[in-house]
Protein backbone atom coordinates (compact mmCIF):
# COMPACT_ATOMS: atom_id res chain seq x y z
CA MET A 1 -17.84 2.13 -62.12
CA ARG A 2 -18.95 4.74 -59.58
CA GLU A 3 -20.13 1.96 -57.28
CA ALA A 4 -16.76 0.23 -57.61
CA GLU A 5 -15.05 3.48 -56.65
CA LYS A 6 -16.99 3.42 -53.38
CA ILE A 7 -15.68 -0.08 -52.65
CA ALA A 8 -12.09 0.95 -53.41
CA LEU A 9 -12.39 3.97 -51.11
CA ALA A 10 -13.90 1.92 -48.28
CA LEU A 11 -11.26 -0.83 -48.51
CA GLY A 12 -8.46 1.71 -48.60
CA ARG A 13 -9.73 3.47 -45.49
CA MET A 14 -10.09 0.14 -43.70
CA PHE A 15 -6.38 -0.67 -44.18
CA PRO A 16 -4.60 2.73 -44.17
CA GLY A 17 -0.92 2.57 -45.07
CA LEU A 18 -1.02 -1.21 -45.34
CA CYS A 19 -3.01 -2.18 -48.43
CA GLU A 20 -3.04 -0.37 -51.76
CA VAL A 21 -6.42 -0.56 -53.51
CA VAL A 22 -6.55 0.17 -57.24
CA LEU A 23 -9.59 0.38 -59.50
CA HIS A 24 -8.82 -0.16 -63.19
CA ASP A 25 -11.19 0.92 -65.97
CA LEU A 26 -10.46 -1.73 -68.61
CA ARG A 27 -12.46 0.14 -71.24
CA ASP A 28 -9.50 2.52 -71.54
CA PRO A 29 -6.35 0.41 -71.02
CA ARG A 30 -3.93 3.26 -71.76
CA HIS A 31 -5.41 5.29 -68.90
CA ALA A 32 -6.89 2.47 -66.87
CA ILE A 33 -6.32 3.56 -63.28
CA ARG A 34 -9.57 5.20 -62.21
CA ALA A 35 -8.87 5.37 -58.46
CA ILE A 36 -6.00 4.48 -56.14
CA GLU A 37 -6.14 4.43 -52.34
CA ASN A 38 -3.10 4.07 -50.05
CA ASN A 39 -0.72 4.64 -52.93
CA LEU A 40 2.22 2.32 -52.23
CA SER A 41 3.38 1.69 -55.80
CA GLY A 42 3.84 5.29 -56.93
CA ARG A 43 1.30 4.98 -59.75
CA GLN A 44 -1.19 7.71 -60.55
CA VAL A 45 -4.78 8.05 -61.74
CA GLY A 46 -4.67 7.78 -65.54
CA ASP A 47 -1.77 5.30 -65.67
CA SER A 48 -2.04 2.27 -67.95
CA ALA A 49 -3.42 -1.20 -67.21
CA THR A 50 -1.24 -4.02 -65.87
CA GLU A 51 -0.61 -7.35 -67.57
CA LEU A 52 -3.59 -8.88 -65.77
CA GLY A 53 -5.84 -6.12 -67.02
CA LEU A 54 -4.73 -6.60 -70.61
CA ALA A 55 -5.23 -10.36 -70.29
CA ARG A 56 -8.82 -9.85 -69.16
CA ILE A 57 -9.50 -7.44 -72.02
CA GLU A 58 -8.33 -10.05 -74.53
CA ASP A 59 -10.05 -13.04 -72.91
CA PRO A 60 -13.53 -12.87 -71.31
CA ASP A 61 -12.90 -16.36 -69.92
CA TYR A 62 -9.86 -15.22 -67.96
CA PRO A 63 -10.32 -16.05 -64.23
CA GLY A 64 -12.49 -13.52 -62.46
CA VAL A 65 -10.52 -13.72 -59.20
CA ILE A 66 -6.79 -14.30 -58.80
CA GLN A 67 -6.08 -14.33 -55.11
CA ASN A 68 -3.05 -14.08 -52.84
CA TYR A 69 -0.36 -14.15 -55.51
CA PRO A 70 3.17 -12.88 -54.74
CA ASN A 71 4.01 -9.43 -56.03
CA GLN A 72 6.54 -6.67 -55.49
CA PHE A 73 6.42 -2.88 -55.21
CA PRO A 74 8.87 -0.83 -57.34
CA ASP A 75 11.19 -0.27 -54.34
CA GLY A 76 11.50 -4.02 -53.76
CA ARG A 77 9.07 -4.44 -50.87
CA PRO A 78 7.23 -7.77 -51.09
CA ALA A 79 3.46 -7.70 -51.56
CA LYS A 80 0.56 -10.12 -51.57
CA SER A 81 -1.99 -9.26 -54.24
CA THR A 82 -5.55 -10.11 -55.21
CA SER A 83 -7.20 -9.07 -58.49
CA ILE A 84 -10.96 -9.14 -59.01
CA GLY A 85 -12.38 -8.77 -62.52
CA ILE A 86 -15.72 -6.99 -63.02
CA LYS A 87 -17.87 -7.77 -66.07
CA ASN A 88 -20.76 -5.93 -67.71
CA ALA A 89 -24.10 -7.49 -68.64
CA SER A 90 -22.60 -8.76 -71.90
CA GLY A 91 -19.93 -10.76 -70.09
CA GLN A 92 -17.03 -8.50 -71.03
CA TYR A 93 -14.50 -7.35 -68.48
CA VAL A 94 -14.88 -3.62 -67.95
CA ALA A 95 -13.02 -3.12 -64.67
CA ALA A 96 -10.73 -4.75 -62.14
CA LEU A 97 -10.36 -4.12 -58.43
CA CYS A 98 -6.88 -4.93 -57.16
CA LEU A 99 -5.53 -5.15 -53.61
CA ASN A 100 -1.78 -5.04 -52.91
CA LEU A 101 -0.87 -5.82 -49.30
CA ASP A 102 2.51 -4.59 -48.06
CA VAL A 103 3.72 -7.71 -46.25
CA SER A 104 7.07 -6.10 -45.33
CA VAL A 105 5.21 -4.17 -42.63
CA LEU A 106 4.19 -7.48 -41.06
CA SER A 107 7.60 -9.15 -41.22
CA PRO A 108 8.81 -7.85 -37.81
CA VAL A 109 5.76 -9.45 -36.18
CA ALA A 110 6.34 -12.75 -37.97
CA LEU A 111 10.02 -12.74 -37.06
CA ALA A 112 9.28 -11.93 -33.43
CA LEU A 113 6.82 -14.82 -33.23
CA ALA A 114 9.29 -17.18 -34.90
CA ASN A 115 11.94 -16.25 -32.34
CA LEU A 116 9.45 -16.64 -29.52
CA VAL A 117 8.59 -20.27 -30.36
CA ALA A 118 12.13 -21.31 -31.40
CA THR A 119 13.58 -24.09 -29.20
CA ASP A 120 16.97 -24.71 -30.85
CA ALA A 121 20.00 -22.69 -29.83
CA GLU A 122 20.34 -21.16 -33.28
CA HIS A 123 20.79 -17.55 -32.23
CA GLY A 124 24.35 -17.74 -30.93
CA GLU A 125 27.22 -15.51 -31.95
CA ARG A 126 27.47 -14.69 -35.62
CA PRO A 127 30.26 -16.31 -37.68
CA LEU A 128 33.50 -14.37 -37.90
CA GLU A 129 33.81 -14.55 -41.66
CA ALA A 130 31.90 -12.10 -43.87
CA LEU A 131 30.04 -13.57 -46.81
CA ARG A 132 30.54 -11.86 -50.15
CA ASP A 133 28.35 -11.10 -53.17
CA ARG A 134 25.08 -11.10 -51.26
CA ASN A 135 22.13 -10.33 -53.48
CA ALA A 136 19.41 -7.73 -52.85
CA ARG A 137 16.99 -10.26 -51.38
CA GLU A 138 19.52 -11.43 -48.78
CA LEU A 139 20.37 -7.83 -47.92
CA ARG A 140 16.69 -6.89 -47.57
CA ARG A 141 16.11 -9.83 -45.25
CA ALA A 142 19.11 -8.88 -43.12
CA VAL A 143 17.85 -5.29 -42.75
CA GLU A 144 14.34 -6.47 -41.81
CA GLU A 145 15.71 -8.95 -39.26
CA LEU A 146 17.93 -6.35 -37.63
CA ALA A 147 15.03 -3.89 -37.48
CA ALA A 148 12.76 -6.60 -36.03
CA GLU A 149 15.25 -7.12 -33.21
CA ARG A 150 14.39 -3.55 -32.24
CA GLY A 151 10.65 -4.17 -32.66
CA ALA A 152 10.30 -1.91 -35.68
CA THR A 153 10.27 -1.76 -39.46
CA PRO A 154 13.40 -0.41 -41.20
CA ARG A 155 11.83 2.94 -42.05
CA SER A 156 10.38 3.46 -38.55
CA LEU A 157 13.75 3.10 -36.80
CA GLY A 158 15.14 6.13 -35.05
CA ARG A 159 18.28 7.88 -36.28
CA GLU A 160 20.63 6.17 -33.80
CA ASP A 161 19.16 2.73 -34.49
CA LYS A 162 19.60 3.28 -38.24
CA LYS A 163 23.22 4.23 -37.63
CA ALA A 164 23.80 1.09 -35.58
CA LEU A 165 22.10 -1.07 -38.21
CA VAL A 166 24.23 0.37 -41.04
CA ARG A 167 27.44 -0.07 -39.05
CA ARG A 168 26.53 -3.69 -38.34
CA LEU A 169 25.84 -4.37 -42.01
CA HIS A 170 29.16 -2.76 -42.89
CA GLN A 171 31.02 -4.90 -40.34
CA GLU A 172 29.43 -8.06 -41.70
CA GLY A 173 30.52 -7.36 -45.25
CA TYR A 174 27.22 -6.42 -46.86
CA PHE A 175 28.71 -3.29 -48.41
CA ASP A 176 30.80 -5.51 -50.66
CA SER A 177 27.63 -6.30 -52.62
CA ARG A 178 26.82 -4.35 -55.75
CA ASP A 179 24.41 -1.45 -55.16
CA ALA A 180 24.22 -2.37 -51.44
CA ALA A 181 24.23 1.27 -50.30
CA ARG A 182 21.33 2.14 -52.61
CA THR A 183 19.32 -0.87 -51.43
CA ILE A 184 19.92 -0.02 -47.78
CA ALA A 185 19.06 3.64 -48.38
CA ASP A 186 15.74 2.70 -50.01
CA LEU A 187 14.83 0.32 -47.17
CA LEU A 188 15.66 2.86 -44.45
CA GLY A 189 14.14 5.84 -46.25
CA VAL A 190 17.38 7.86 -46.27
CA SER A 191 19.83 9.02 -48.93
CA ARG A 192 22.76 6.95 -50.12
CA ALA A 193 25.11 9.65 -48.82
CA THR A 194 23.56 9.25 -45.37
CA VAL A 195 24.16 5.49 -45.50
CA TYR A 196 27.86 6.01 -46.31
CA ASN A 197 28.08 8.61 -43.55
CA TYR A 198 26.57 6.20 -41.03
CA ALA A 199 28.97 3.46 -42.11
CA ARG A 200 32.01 5.70 -41.56
CA GLN A 201 30.98 6.90 -38.11
CA LYS A 202 32.33 5.07 -35.09
CA PRO A 203 30.06 4.19 -32.15
CA SER A 204 29.96 6.96 -29.57
């Protein structure tokens, strides 16, 4: 287990702020998290095992490596995860090393590249009508696309850019969605009151 801790530490330091690395001690599922580097999920050392960990405890034949499966952080950010089971000499799972890559950080790059190679004239003026009842996924995508236009992630935008982004979302009807202000606040890293304040302000 101590050797596995070294691997978790090294992987975390190789991808700072981008990839969460978690070492689970499956011998104690109620307090399974032994180490966590680049904490992106808000969990703590001593927290319980995940569903994958419990599945490995119950079944020694459970796959040793589950790679590149879609996941999600508690605040809604998309993640790509890999889970590696570690067995003892008796063939029982005793630990798991899990990597959770924050792919939302990479979305501006992907969007910029997609726009760069696009050949159709699909980026004309936006439609005049405002769509209603947009869900959280559509709202999240809109925020990421607008931030990408400024070459940044939503949280890294400056104050004025965040204001402009919120006003644009308000003009396009996104605030008609349920819990839209809370979703936008979480994505931008500001309070819900700040989001409403930005929406009310007129461009200077």
